[in-house]
Amino acid sequence: MGAFRDIVRSRLGPRGRINDFGIGFRASRPAAGFPPYDLVATFREQGSQPTISSYRYDFDNGAFLLACAAQDGRTTLAIEGRKVALDVPWQVAPQLLTSSVEFDWITERFPEAGPIAEFIAELSNGKSRSRRQADWRIFGVPQTSSANLVPLAPLRAKPARAYNPVTERATPEGAHIPMFMMRLHHSEQRSWTRLRDSLVDFGRDSGLFSDIKIRRHGKQISDPFQIEVKVQSSSSHNLTDVGYGVSQSLPILVDLLSAEETVGGHQYSPERGPLTFMLQQPEVHLHPRGQAALASLFAGFLARARKRRRHHRVLIETHSDYIIDRFRILVRDGRIRADDMAILYFEPLGNSVKLHDIRVDSDGNLVNTPAGYRDFFLRETDRLLGFA
């Protein structure tokens, strides 16, 4: 998002100076008997970058827990009427808050933290493993290993008429995708067949293509190769000679459809935790039918993951009504659950932006939409019909 001063804005313009901002969420059903709480992480400027300076937990029973960076770089823990400085660098404090820690160990190393340890034990309503033990992971901020993030940029790598295998290092632009496809084709035929069949299913559903294949110019894995695509019933063409939407959607399709085959060049393991796909404008260069088909692909991927008890996530930044409307249709048809999706609408208001959490009911209707949502499209429709 840029440097700290690129992110924060003051309504007073240059005369106003904002020194911190917070991002948080509500945990409505915590584990281990803890009451619901709100967690807010506060960011301050360090150098030019935003850096987390505190975590504050406000529980529904009125209690709070604050973990923050002290001026000397150590970690401070605070509850009502009690504040202690731990000899723990703030940089590793999140690890302390996300690990299973015995209270005896805490109070042995930090005797002054005894009241805070007891406070946490009381919060669990006696449901912790004992009065002297508890699982501190309940206080952890959501942390996703970078190995489990699959970012995709809004503009993907340009297609090439021929590829020379170089590296398969994953990039948000998807430059690694042709090499990944060729390696499966060369060395892992079973995986390639599964991927190719899934790609063809999407190609036909979206109307983009009816077949895709790898044409290798040699027997070695290091030899050049081409990607060829068949559009409808015509003969196959080089990837550079078909619609640009095919090559721009290919990184998204391959990353998603091969997610449980490989992640970052390594075999996926459920122990690594859920994957989070972060997609910026996946609809770029796709016609409306292709955009809607992409939403169905996302929904199908998540539904299959749910059956395998794998809680993968897809975070989409989009301007596409076709993607959103297809998700709504899938909810209405019972293909996905209404609480499996949410729409975050960013509304610009002068020098600030207001965030709206729009939900979908079981019939696919939008709930809690702000007054300005889709206002432009409504005005355009009125003008087209001659009402304005």
Foldseek 3Di string as FASTA:
>chain_A
DDWPVVPDADPVGPVDDDFKDKDWDKDCDFPLQFATWIWIFMWGHDPRHTDTFKIKIQGPVGKIWIWGADPVQFIWIDIVPAIDTDRHGPVCVLVVQQFFDWQVVVCVRVVSCNVVLQVVLVRSVQSAPGSGGHGSNSRHDDDAPPLQEAAAEQAADAFDQKDFDDDLQDDNNLPNVVLVLLCCVQPPVVLNVQLQVQVQVLCVQLQQFNGKDKAFDDNDSRGMIFIWTHRDPDDIDTPNPGQRLVVLLSSVSNCLSCVCCDTRRHHDDCVSAAHEYEYEASCPRGDLSSLLSVLVSVLVSQLVCVVVVGRHYYHYHHPDPSSLQSVLVCLLVVSDPQVNDWDWDWDDDNRDTDTDIWTAHSNSDIPPDDPCVCVVVVVVVCVVVVND
